[in-house]
Amino acid sequence: MSHRSVTIATVASAGVVAYAALVGAPAFADTTATPTPTPTSSHAPKSLADIQAAGAKATSDRETKLTAAISKVTDDKYLTSSDRSTLLGTLNADLAAMKSSASTIAADTTATQAAADLKEVYSKYRVYAVALRQAHLVSEADRLTGTTLPALTKEQSNLSALLSGKDKGKSTDALQSALKDMSSQISTASHDESGAASAALAVTPSAYDANHSVLSSVESSSKAAAAAVKKAHADAKEVRQALK
């Protein structure tokens, strides 16, 4: 084999590996470009049929997840009407896009075009990385801020009133401390979850492409808020049991 042939083979192989890393799926070669050398590794070019099969699976998997998410969002009693409308708009648009992409890939006549269309399934819509994560984060935020925290705040007030009628002593001091911590945990959770829903909904696929951690801060705040709520519930339980 000539030096030029070896060079072409090396470049072609490297290109296939890079493309595989980009789309997170098996490598797909351009079958309509300049003829490639005979495959000598596991990174051999994929046929049109192979790419179409991968496209059918990728779109079908996303359709299943999106359909389930749409049903869940529709039935979620904690979501505000505005957040529900926004989420359903995104999820339904992505579902329609997956159906359209499935038809497009199935109708493609070259591996090159099919590979390009399959790439869009991963990179253009970001179903897993954005839409489904948004639905979960917004649901959690609306449930916590709209229902959980108001209920905890009311319970803290009621328990405080009950405790105020008790004789002072070490036991009541401990319970007062628990109620003080409960109030602090409620404030922490409220702060951590404040604006989380709108922040999550503001993320677009292009924003995710520019910064893959764009939703990470919202997820971190949501976890911190959940931990604070759990501690507030524990404080309330301690006081309730002592007042029985």
Protein backbone atom coordinates (compact mmCIF):
# COMPACT_ATOMS: atom_id res chain seq x y z
CA MET A 1 0.00 0.00 0.00
CA SER A 2 1.33 3.45 -0.90
CA HIS A 3 2.06 6.21 1.61
CA ARG A 4 -0.97 8.12 0.25
CA SER A 5 -3.31 5.15 0.77
CA VAL A 6 -2.12 4.74 4.36
CA THR A 7 -2.77 8.44 4.99
CA ILE A 8 -6.30 8.24 3.58
CA ALA A 9 -7.08 5.18 5.68
CA THR A 10 -5.83 6.87 8.85
CA VAL A 11 -7.85 10.03 8.27
CA ALA A 12 -11.03 8.10 7.42
CA SER A 13 -10.73 5.95 10.54
CA ALA A 14 -10.19 8.99 12.76
CA GLY A 15 -13.18 10.73 11.24
CA VAL A 16 -15.48 7.79 11.96
CA VAL A 17 -14.36 7.66 15.61
CA ALA A 18 -14.91 11.41 16.02
CA TYR A 19 -18.41 11.19 14.56
CA ALA A 20 -19.31 8.34 16.89
CA ALA A 21 -18.27 10.43 19.89
CA LEU A 22 -20.29 13.38 18.62
CA VAL A 23 -23.69 11.70 18.25
CA GLY A 24 -23.35 9.09 20.99
CA ALA A 25 -24.28 6.30 18.60
CA PRO A 26 -22.49 3.80 16.35
CA ALA A 27 -20.22 5.43 13.80
CA PHE A 28 -21.77 6.10 10.40
CA ALA A 29 -19.62 6.64 7.34
CA ASP A 30 -20.45 8.67 4.24
CA THR A 31 -21.15 6.01 1.57
CA THR A 32 -21.56 8.56 -1.21
CA ALA A 33 -18.21 10.31 -0.70
CA THR A 34 -14.85 9.31 -2.07
CA PRO A 35 -14.52 5.49 -1.78
CA THR A 36 -13.08 4.46 1.57
CA PRO A 37 -10.42 1.79 2.10
CA THR A 38 -11.49 -1.74 2.93
CA PRO A 39 -12.54 -1.75 6.62
CA THR A 40 -9.95 -3.25 8.92
CA SER A 41 -11.48 -2.46 12.34
CA SER A 42 -14.73 -2.39 14.33
CA HIS A 43 -15.24 1.20 13.11
CA ALA A 44 -16.29 0.05 9.65
CA PRO A 45 -18.79 2.21 7.73
CA LYS A 46 -22.44 1.46 8.44
CA SER A 47 -24.94 0.74 5.72
CA LEU A 48 -28.09 2.72 5.04
CA ALA A 49 -30.11 -0.11 6.57
CA ASP A 50 -27.98 -0.03 9.74
CA ILE A 51 -28.48 3.73 10.13
CA GLN A 52 -32.22 3.48 9.49
CA ALA A 53 -32.51 0.76 12.13
CA ALA A 54 -30.64 2.97 14.61
CA GLY A 55 -32.91 5.87 13.67
CA ALA A 56 -36.05 3.81 14.23
CA LYS A 57 -34.88 2.80 17.69
CA ALA A 58 -33.70 6.27 18.69
CA THR A 59 -36.95 7.95 17.71
CA SER A 60 -39.13 5.16 19.11
CA ASP A 61 -37.38 5.28 22.49
CA ARG A 62 -37.88 9.03 22.68
CA GLU A 63 -41.50 8.81 21.59
CA THR A 64 -42.17 6.36 24.43
CA LYS A 65 -40.54 8.61 27.04
CA LEU A 66 -42.23 11.75 25.73
CA THR A 67 -45.67 10.13 25.64
CA ALA A 68 -45.28 9.05 29.28
CA ALA A 69 -44.07 12.51 30.28
CA ILE A 70 -47.00 14.19 28.53
CA SER A 71 -49.45 12.00 30.42
CA LYS A 72 -47.72 12.70 33.72
CA VAL A 73 -47.60 16.46 33.18
CA THR A 74 -51.25 16.53 32.12
CA ASP A 75 -52.29 14.76 35.35
CA ASP A 76 -49.90 16.60 37.68
CA LYS A 77 -52.09 18.51 40.15
CA TYR A 78 -49.13 20.43 41.56
CA LEU A 79 -48.13 22.20 38.35
CA THR A 80 -49.28 25.76 37.76
CA SER A 81 -51.41 26.16 34.65
CA SER A 82 -48.71 28.29 33.04
CA ASP A 83 -45.93 25.78 33.70
CA ARG A 84 -48.10 22.89 32.54
CA SER A 85 -48.87 24.71 29.29
CA THR A 86 -45.19 25.47 28.65
CA LEU A 87 -44.07 21.92 29.38
CA LEU A 88 -46.76 20.37 27.20
CA GLY A 89 -45.81 22.72 24.39
CA THR A 90 -42.22 21.51 24.50
CA LEU A 91 -43.02 17.83 24.99
CA ASN A 92 -45.65 17.70 22.24
CA ALA A 93 -43.38 19.57 19.82
CA ASP A 94 -40.57 17.10 20.51
CA LEU A 95 -42.94 14.16 20.09
CA ALA A 96 -44.06 15.47 16.70
CA ALA A 97 -40.42 16.02 15.74
CA MET A 98 -39.52 12.43 16.65
CA LYS A 99 -42.38 11.08 14.53
CA SER A 100 -41.31 13.28 11.62
CA SER A 101 -37.64 12.29 12.03
CA ALA A 102 -38.56 8.61 12.07
CA SER A 103 -40.40 8.99 8.74
CA THR A 104 -37.61 11.07 7.24
CA ILE A 105 -34.86 8.60 8.15
CA ALA A 106 -36.92 5.66 6.93
CA ALA A 107 -37.37 7.41 3.57
CA ASP A 108 -33.72 8.45 3.14
CA THR A 109 -31.98 6.85 0.17
CA THR A 110 -28.34 7.40 1.11
CA ALA A 111 -26.35 6.65 4.22
CA THR A 112 -25.01 10.20 4.17
CA GLN A 113 -28.44 11.79 4.44
CA ALA A 114 -29.71 9.22 6.93
CA ALA A 115 -26.69 9.82 9.16
CA ALA A 116 -27.27 13.58 9.05
CA ASP A 117 -30.95 13.15 9.94
CA LEU A 118 -30.12 10.73 12.74
CA LYS A 119 -27.61 13.19 14.16
CA GLU A 120 -30.41 15.76 14.49
CA VAL A 121 -32.42 13.34 16.61
CA TYR A 122 -29.65 13.55 19.20
CA SER A 123 -28.39 17.11 18.80
CA LYS A 124 -31.32 19.28 17.68
CA TYR A 125 -34.03 18.34 20.17
CA ARG A 126 -32.18 17.12 23.28
CA VAL A 127 -35.16 15.14 24.52
CA TYR A 128 -33.31 13.42 27.35
CA ALA A 129 -30.89 16.21 28.24
CA VAL A 130 -33.44 19.04 28.30
CA ALA A 131 -37.16 18.35 27.84
CA LEU A 132 -37.56 15.37 30.18
CA ARG A 133 -35.31 16.92 32.84
CA GLN A 134 -37.30 20.15 32.65
CA ALA A 135 -40.56 18.30 33.23
CA HIS A 136 -39.18 16.65 36.37
CA LEU A 137 -37.57 19.79 37.80
CA VAL A 138 -40.59 22.02 37.20
CA SER A 139 -42.95 19.48 38.72
CA GLU A 140 -40.78 19.23 41.84
CA ALA A 141 -40.47 23.01 42.15
CA ASP A 142 -44.21 23.66 41.78
CA ARG A 143 -45.12 20.91 44.25
CA LEU A 144 -42.69 22.22 46.85
CA THR A 145 -43.43 25.93 46.53
CA GLY A 146 -47.16 25.57 45.95
CA THR A 147 -48.08 22.82 48.41
CA THR A 148 -45.31 21.40 50.59
CA LEU A 149 -43.82 24.61 51.99
CA PRO A 150 -47.16 26.31 52.70
CA ALA A 151 -48.30 23.18 54.56
CA LEU A 152 -45.08 23.04 56.58
CA THR A 153 -45.32 26.74 57.42
CA LYS A 154 -48.88 26.27 58.69
CA GLU A 155 -47.87 23.24 60.74
CA GLN A 156 -44.93 25.11 62.26
CA SER A 157 -47.28 27.90 63.32
CA ASN A 158 -49.80 25.47 64.82
CA LEU A 159 -47.15 23.54 66.73
CA SER A 160 -45.65 26.77 68.03
CA ALA A 161 -49.06 27.83 69.36
CA LEU A 162 -49.55 24.48 71.07
CA LEU A 163 -46.11 24.58 72.61
CA SER A 164 -46.59 28.09 73.95
CA GLY A 165 -49.26 26.78 76.33
CA LYS A 166 -46.92 24.28 77.93
CA ASP A 167 -44.99 24.88 81.14
CA LYS A 168 -41.46 26.07 80.57
CA GLY A 169 -38.66 23.58 81.15
CA LYS A 170 -35.84 21.69 79.51
CA SER A 171 -38.22 19.62 77.44
CA THR A 172 -40.01 22.65 76.05
CA ASP A 173 -36.67 24.35 75.38
CA ALA A 174 -35.67 21.39 73.22
CA LEU A 175 -38.96 21.53 71.36
CA GLN A 176 -38.64 25.26 70.83
CA SER A 177 -35.23 24.59 69.35
CA ALA A 178 -36.75 22.00 67.02
CA LEU A 179 -39.41 24.47 65.91
CA LYS A 180 -36.76 27.13 65.34
CA ASP A 181 -34.82 24.69 63.17
CA MET A 182 -38.01 23.77 61.34
CA SER A 183 -38.56 27.42 60.50
CA SER A 184 -34.96 27.73 59.32
CA GLN A 185 -35.28 24.65 57.09
CA ILE A 186 -38.48 26.00 55.54
CA SER A 187 -36.71 29.27 54.73
CA THR A 188 -33.75 27.40 53.25
CA ALA A 189 -35.96 25.26 51.05
CA SER A 190 -37.95 28.28 49.91
CA HIS A 191 -34.75 30.12 48.99
CA ASP A 192 -33.23 27.14 47.18
CA GLU A 193 -36.33 26.42 45.12
CA SER A 194 -37.24 30.03 44.39
CA GLY A 195 -37.22 30.62 40.65
CA ALA A 196 -36.24 27.01 39.92
CA ALA A 197 -39.20 26.35 37.64
CA SER A 198 -38.64 29.43 35.49
CA ALA A 199 -34.89 28.78 35.38
CA ALA A 200 -35.45 25.22 34.17
CA LEU A 201 -38.00 26.27 31.56
CA ALA A 202 -35.66 28.93 30.19
CA VAL A 203 -33.15 26.28 29.05
CA THR A 204 -33.22 25.47 25.34
CA PRO A 205 -31.37 22.77 23.37
CA SER A 206 -29.00 25.43 22.05
CA ALA A 207 -28.33 26.67 25.58
CA TYR A 208 -27.54 23.10 26.59
CA ASP A 209 -25.19 22.71 23.63
CA ALA A 210 -23.34 25.84 24.73
CA ASN A 211 -23.14 24.66 28.34
CA HIS A 212 -23.91 21.06 29.28
CA SER A 213 -24.14 22.06 32.94
CA VAL A 214 -26.88 24.63 32.34
CA LEU A 215 -29.46 22.58 34.27
CA SER A 216 -27.05 21.32 36.92
CA SER A 217 -27.45 24.34 39.20
CA VAL A 218 -31.23 23.92 39.16
CA GLU A 219 -30.87 20.23 40.00
CA SER A 220 -28.47 21.04 42.84
CA SER A 221 -30.85 23.63 44.29
CA SER A 222 -33.75 21.17 44.00
CA LYS A 223 -31.80 18.50 45.90
CA ALA A 224 -30.82 21.00 48.61
CA ALA A 225 -34.43 22.11 48.98
CA ALA A 226 -35.61 18.49 49.24
CA ALA A 227 -33.05 17.84 52.00
CA ALA A 228 -34.24 20.91 53.92
CA VAL A 229 -37.87 19.83 53.58
CA LYS A 230 -36.99 16.37 54.90
CA LYS A 231 -35.32 17.94 57.96
CA ALA A 232 -38.32 20.23 58.54
CA HIS A 233 -40.63 17.21 58.50
CA ALA A 234 -38.37 15.47 61.04
CA ASP A 235 -38.49 18.53 63.32
CA ALA A 236 -42.28 18.64 63.09
CA LYS A 237 -42.54 14.93 63.89
CA GLU A 238 -40.37 15.37 66.98
CA VAL A 239 -42.58 18.15 68.33
CA ARG A 240 -45.86 16.39 67.51
CA GLN A 241 -44.82 13.23 69.31
CA ALA A 242 -43.70 15.19 72.38
CA LEU A 243 -47.02 17.06 72.56
CA LYS A 244 -49.20 13.95 72.45
